[in-house]
Amino acid sequence: MARRKVELTKEQKDRNAEILARLESERENLIEETRALQQQTKRKPGRKRKNQFLSEEE
């Protein structure tokens, strides 16, 4: 079956662009939040084994 090409109106294109921009900004916010959470978990006590090991050698 051949697919028919769909033509969007200017309003539909504008609305789609608006939605895509909003989704992209939400995606960026989620990435930033995820990175922040990962940094917090790296700073938790008990995760500094490398630093303790290095300081014991000195």
PDB file of N, CA and C in Angstrom:
ATOM      1  N   MET A   1       0.830  -1.188   0.000  1.00  0.00           N
ATOM      2  CA  MET A   1       0.000   0.000   0.000  1.00  0.00           C
ATOM      3  C   MET A   1       0.874   1.251   0.000  1.00  0.00           C
ATOM      4  N   ALA A   2       0.563   2.149  -0.879  1.00  0.00           N
ATOM      5  CA  ALA A   2       1.307   3.408  -0.955  1.00  0.00           C
ATOM      6  C   ALA A   2       0.796   4.365   0.113  1.00  0.00           C
ATOM      7  N   ARG A   3       1.732   5.043   0.736  1.00  0.00           N
ATOM      8  CA  ARG A   3       1.326   6.016   1.750  1.00  0.00           C
ATOM      9  C   ARG A   3       1.088   7.352   1.087  1.00  0.00           C
ATOM     10  N   ARG A   4       0.054   7.999   1.576  1.00  0.00           N
ATOM     11  CA  ARG A   4      -0.249   9.318   1.073  1.00  0.00           C
ATOM     12  C   ARG A   4       0.556  10.358   1.846  1.00  0.00           C
ATOM     13  N   LYS A   5       1.114  11.329   1.160  1.00  0.00           N
ATOM     14  CA  LYS A   5       1.878  12.370   1.839  1.00  0.00           C
ATOM     15  C   LYS A   5       0.909  13.339   2.517  1.00  0.00           C
ATOM     16  N   VAL A   6       1.183  13.627   3.773  1.00  0.00           N
ATOM     17  CA  VAL A   6       0.317  14.512   4.547  1.00  0.00           C
ATOM     18  C   VAL A   6       0.916  15.913   4.527  1.00  0.00           C
ATOM     19  N   GLU A   7       0.108  16.874   4.191  1.00  0.00           N
ATOM     20  CA  GLU A   7       0.544  18.277   4.204  1.00  0.00           C
ATOM     21  C   GLU A   7      -0.010  18.951   5.453  1.00  0.00           C
ATOM     22  N   LEU A   8       0.883  19.555   6.237  1.00  0.00           N
ATOM     23  CA  LEU A   8       0.453  20.258   7.439  1.00  0.00           C
ATOM     24  C   LEU A   8       0.222  21.735   7.126  1.00  0.00           C
ATOM     25  N   THR A   9      -0.729  22.294   7.828  1.00  0.00           N
ATOM     26  CA  THR A   9      -0.967  23.729   7.676  1.00  0.00           C
ATOM     27  C   THR A   9       0.106  24.488   8.452  1.00  0.00           C
ATOM     28  N   LYS A  10       0.197  25.780   8.215  1.00  0.00           N
ATOM     29  CA  LYS A  10       1.185  26.599   8.925  1.00  0.00           C
ATOM     30  C   LYS A  10       0.939  26.555  10.428  1.00  0.00           C
ATOM     31  N   GLU A  11      -0.325  26.578  10.831  1.00  0.00           N
ATOM     32  CA  GLU A  11      -0.648  26.530  12.259  1.00  0.00           C
ATOM     33  C   GLU A  11      -0.180  25.207  12.869  1.00  0.00           C
ATOM     34  N   GLN A  12      -0.390  24.112  12.148  1.00  0.00           N
ATOM     35  CA  GLN A  12       0.032  22.810  12.653  1.00  0.00           C
ATOM     36  C   GLN A  12       1.556  22.733  12.762  1.00  0.00           C
ATOM     37  N   LYS A  13       2.239  23.286  11.759  1.00  0.00           N
ATOM     38  CA  LYS A  13       3.708  23.285  11.798  1.00  0.00           C
ATOM     39  C   LYS A  13       4.221  24.118  12.966  1.00  0.00           C
ATOM     40  N   ASP A  14       3.595  25.281  13.174  1.00  0.00           N
ATOM     41  CA  ASP A  14       3.997  26.145  14.283  1.00  0.00           C
ATOM     42  C   ASP A  14       3.764  25.454  15.619  1.00  0.00           C
ATOM     43  N   ARG A  15       2.611  24.820  15.747  1.00  0.00           N
ATOM     44  CA  ARG A  15       2.272  24.112  16.990  1.00  0.00           C
ATOM     45  C   ARG A  15       3.261  22.968  17.239  1.00  0.00           C
ATOM     46  N   ASN A  16       3.587  22.220  16.179  1.00  0.00           N
ATOM     47  CA  ASN A  16       4.554  21.126  16.319  1.00  0.00           C
ATOM     48  C   ASN A  16       5.919  21.660  16.748  1.00  0.00           C
ATOM     49  N   ALA A  17       6.349  22.759  16.160  1.00  0.00           N
ATOM     50  CA  ALA A  17       7.642  23.352  16.508  1.00  0.00           C
ATOM     51  C   ALA A  17       7.646  23.800  17.971  1.00  0.00           C
ATOM     52  N   GLU A  18       6.530  24.361  18.426  1.00  0.00           N
ATOM     53  CA  GLU A  18       6.392  24.810  19.807  1.00  0.00           C
ATOM     54  C   GLU A  18       6.515  23.613  20.770  1.00  0.00           C
ATOM     55  N   ILE A  19       5.808  22.537  20.443  1.00  0.00           N
ATOM     56  CA  ILE A  19       5.826  21.334  21.271  1.00  0.00           C
ATOM     57  C   ILE A  19       7.229  20.729  21.298  1.00  0.00           C
ATOM     58  N   LEU A  20       7.877  20.653  20.143  1.00  0.00           N
ATOM     59  CA  LEU A  20       9.225  20.096  20.081  1.00  0.00           C
ATOM     60  C   LEU A  20      10.212  20.930  20.894  1.00  0.00           C
ATOM     61  N   ALA A  21      10.070  22.241  20.842  1.00  0.00           N
ATOM     62  CA  ALA A  21      10.955  23.115  21.616  1.00  0.00           C
ATOM     63  C   ALA A  21      10.742  22.891  23.109  1.00  0.00           C
ATOM     64  N   ARG A  22       9.486  22.752  23.519  1.00  0.00           N
ATOM     65  CA  ARG A  22       9.182  22.512  24.935  1.00  0.00           C
ATOM     66  C   ARG A  22       9.758  21.165  25.387  1.00  0.00           C
ATOM     67  N   LEU A  23       9.596  20.147  24.560  1.00  0.00           N
ATOM     68  CA  LEU A  23      10.137  18.829  24.890  1.00  0.00           C
ATOM     69  C   LEU A  23      11.662  18.867  25.008  1.00  0.00           C
ATOM     70  N   GLU A  24      12.296  19.591  24.118  1.00  0.00           N
ATOM     71  CA  GLU A  24      13.756  19.693  24.158  1.00  0.00           C
ATOM     72  C   GLU A  24      14.216  20.390  25.433  1.00  0.00           C
ATOM     73  N   SER A  25      13.509  21.451  25.843  1.00  0.00           N
ATOM     74  CA  SER A  25      13.904  22.150  27.071  1.00  0.00           C
ATOM     75  C   SER A  25      13.673  21.256  28.289  1.00  0.00           C
ATOM     76  N   GLU A  26      12.591  20.482  28.298  1.00  0.00           N
ATOM     77  CA  GLU A  26      12.341  19.552  29.401  1.00  0.00           C
ATOM     78  C   GLU A  26      13.429  18.486  29.447  1.00  0.00           C
ATOM     79  N   ARG A  27      13.849  18.034  28.288  1.00  0.00           N
ATOM     80  CA  ARG A  27      14.916  17.036  28.203  1.00  0.00           C
ATOM     81  C   ARG A  27      16.213  17.585  28.785  1.00  0.00           C
ATOM     82  N   GLU A  28      16.535  18.827  28.445  1.00  0.00           N
ATOM     83  CA  GLU A  28      17.740  19.460  28.982  1.00  0.00           C
ATOM     84  C   GLU A  28      17.662  19.582  30.502  1.00  0.00           C
ATOM     85  N   ASN A  29      16.481  19.963  31.015  1.00  0.00           N
ATOM     86  CA  ASN A  29      16.310  20.086  32.470  1.00  0.00           C
ATOM     87  C   ASN A  29      16.508  18.733  33.152  1.00  0.00           C
ATOM     88  N   LEU A  30      15.951  17.684  32.560  1.00  0.00           N
ATOM     89  CA  LEU A  30      16.112  16.352  33.141  1.00  0.00           C
ATOM     90  C   LEU A  30      17.567  15.919  33.148  1.00  0.00           C
ATOM     91  N   ILE A  31      18.288  16.241  32.083  1.00  0.00           N
ATOM     92  CA  ILE A  31      19.710  15.891  32.018  1.00  0.00           C
ATOM     93  C   ILE A  31      20.473  16.612  33.131  1.00  0.00           C
ATOM     94  N   GLU A  32      20.182  17.893  33.319  1.00  0.00           N
ATOM     95  CA  GLU A  32      20.858  18.666  34.366  1.00  0.00           C
ATOM     96  C   GLU A  32      20.542  18.111  35.747  1.00  0.00           C
ATOM     97  N   GLU A  33      19.264  17.772  35.988  1.00  0.00           N
ATOM     98  CA  GLU A  33      18.860  17.224  37.285  1.00  0.00           C
ATOM     99  C   GLU A  33      19.540  15.881  37.532  1.00  0.00           C
ATOM    100  N   THR A  34      19.622  15.062  36.499  1.00  0.00           N
ATOM    101  CA  THR A  34      20.257  13.756  36.629  1.00  0.00           C
ATOM    102  C   THR A  34      21.730  13.906  36.965  1.00  0.00           C
ATOM    103  N   ARG A  35      22.398  14.823  36.292  1.00  0.00           N
ATOM    104  CA  ARG A  35      23.819  15.061  36.580  1.00  0.00           C
ATOM    105  C   ARG A  35      24.012  15.539  38.006  1.00  0.00           C
ATOM    106  N   ALA A  36      23.121  16.429  38.461  1.00  0.00           N
ATOM    107  CA  ALA A  36      23.222  16.939  39.827  1.00  0.00           C
ATOM    108  C   ALA A  36      23.046  15.804  40.830  1.00  0.00           C
ATOM    109  N   LEU A  37      22.080  14.921  40.592  1.00  0.00           N
ATOM    110  CA  LEU A  37      21.869  13.791  41.489  1.00  0.00           C
ATOM    111  C   LEU A  37      23.068  12.852  41.486  1.00  0.00           C
ATOM    112  N   GLN A  38      23.658  12.647  40.318  1.00  0.00           N
ATOM    113  CA  GLN A  38      24.831  11.778  40.252  1.00  0.00           C
ATOM    114  C   GLN A  38      25.994  12.386  41.027  1.00  0.00           C
ATOM    115  N   GLN A  39      26.152  13.695  40.941  1.00  0.00           N
ATOM    116  CA  GLN A  39      27.217  14.360  41.684  1.00  0.00           C
ATOM    117  C   GLN A  39      26.987  14.219  43.188  1.00  0.00           C
ATOM    118  N   GLN A  40      25.717  14.332  43.625  1.00  0.00           N
ATOM    119  CA  GLN A  40      25.397  14.201  45.045  1.00  0.00           C
ATOM    120  C   GLN A  40      25.748  12.806  45.546  1.00  0.00           C
ATOM    121  N   THR A  41      25.422  11.779  44.773  1.00  0.00           N
ATOM    122  CA  THR A  41      25.713  10.419  45.221  1.00  0.00           C
ATOM    123  C   THR A  41      27.213  10.177  45.254  1.00  0.00           C
ATOM    124  N   LYS A  42      27.966  10.831  44.386  1.00  0.00           N
ATOM    125  CA  LYS A  42      29.423  10.672  44.406  1.00  0.00           C
ATOM    126  C   LYS A  42      30.021  11.297  45.657  1.00  0.00           C
ATOM    127  N   ARG A  43      29.371  12.296  46.214  1.00  0.00           N
ATOM    128  CA  ARG A  43      29.904  13.009  47.376  1.00  0.00           C
ATOM    129  C   ARG A  43      29.506  12.368  48.699  1.00  0.00           C
ATOM    130  N   LYS A  44      28.660  11.349  48.673  1.00  0.00           N
ATOM    131  CA  LYS A  44      28.205  10.736  49.918  1.00  0.00           C
ATOM    132  C   LYS A  44      29.378  10.100  50.657  1.00  0.00           C
ATOM    133  N   PRO A  45      29.335  10.094  51.986  1.00  0.00           N
ATOM    134  CA  PRO A  45      30.404   9.460  52.753  1.00  0.00           C
ATOM    135  C   PRO A  45      30.507   7.971  52.400  1.00  0.00           C
ATOM    136  N   GLY A  46      31.721   7.458  52.485  1.00  0.00           N
ATOM    137  CA  GLY A  46      31.924   6.060  52.162  1.00  0.00           C
ATOM    138  C   GLY A  46      32.274   5.843  50.703  1.00  0.00           C
ATOM    139  N   ARG A  47      32.186   6.905  49.903  1.00  0.00           N
ATOM    140  CA  ARG A  47      32.515   6.798  48.493  1.00  0.00           C
ATOM    141  C   ARG A  47      33.906   7.352  48.220  1.00  0.00           C
ATOM    142  N   LYS A  48      34.648   7.675  49.273  1.00  0.00           N
ATOM    143  CA  LYS A  48      35.944   8.321  49.103  1.00  0.00           C
ATOM    144  C   LYS A  48      37.075   7.332  49.334  1.00  0.00           C
ATOM    145  N   ARG A  49      36.893   6.104  48.948  1.00  0.00           N
ATOM    146  CA  ARG A  49      37.895   5.078  49.201  1.00  0.00           C
ATOM    147  C   ARG A  49      39.221   5.409  48.518  1.00  0.00           C
ATOM    148  N   LYS A  50      39.161   5.935  47.296  1.00  0.00           N
ATOM    149  CA  LYS A  50      40.392   6.266  46.575  1.00  0.00           C
ATOM    150  C   LYS A  50      41.186   7.318  47.334  1.00  0.00           C
ATOM    151  N   ASN A  51      40.514   8.369  47.784  1.00  0.00           N
ATOM    152  CA  ASN A  51      41.192   9.449  48.485  1.00  0.00           C
ATOM    153  C   ASN A  51      41.798   8.937  49.792  1.00  0.00           C
ATOM    154  N   GLN A  52      41.082   8.095  50.534  1.00  0.00           N
ATOM    155  CA  GLN A  52      41.610   7.547  51.781  1.00  0.00           C
ATOM    156  C   GLN A  52      42.816   6.661  51.485  1.00  0.00           C
ATOM    157  N   PHE A  53      42.740   5.889  50.429  1.00  0.00           N
ATOM    158  CA  PHE A  53      43.846   5.008  50.066  1.00  0.00           C
ATOM    159  C   PHE A  53      45.084   5.833  49.716  1.00  0.00           C
ATOM    160  N   LEU A  54      44.896   6.904  48.963  1.00  0.00           N
ATOM    161  CA  LEU A  54      46.022   7.751  48.577  1.00  0.00           C
ATOM    162  C   LEU A  54      46.637   8.447  49.791  1.00  0.00           C
ATOM    163  N   SER A  55      45.807   8.903  50.732  1.00  0.00           N
ATOM    164  CA  SER A  55      46.330   9.614  51.897  1.00  0.00           C
ATOM    165  C   SER A  55      47.074   8.658  52.832  1.00  0.00           C
ATOM    166  N   GLU A  56      46.715   7.367  52.859  1.00  0.00           N
ATOM    167  CA  GLU A  56      47.406   6.389  53.694  1.00  0.00           C
ATOM    168  C   GLU A  56      48.816   6.116  53.168  1.00  0.00           C
ATOM    169  N   GLU A  57      49.001   6.218  51.866  1.00  0.00           N
ATOM    170  CA  GLU A  57      50.308   5.961  51.276  1.00  0.00           C
ATOM    171  C   GLU A  57      51.321   7.037  51.648  1.00  0.00           C
ATOM    172  N   GLU A  58      50.877   8.246  51.848  1.00  0.00           N
ATOM    173  CA  GLU A  58      51.786   9.371  52.107  1.00  0.00           C
ATOM    174  C   GLU A  58      52.455   9.306  53.422  1.00  0.00           C
TER     175      GLU A  58
END
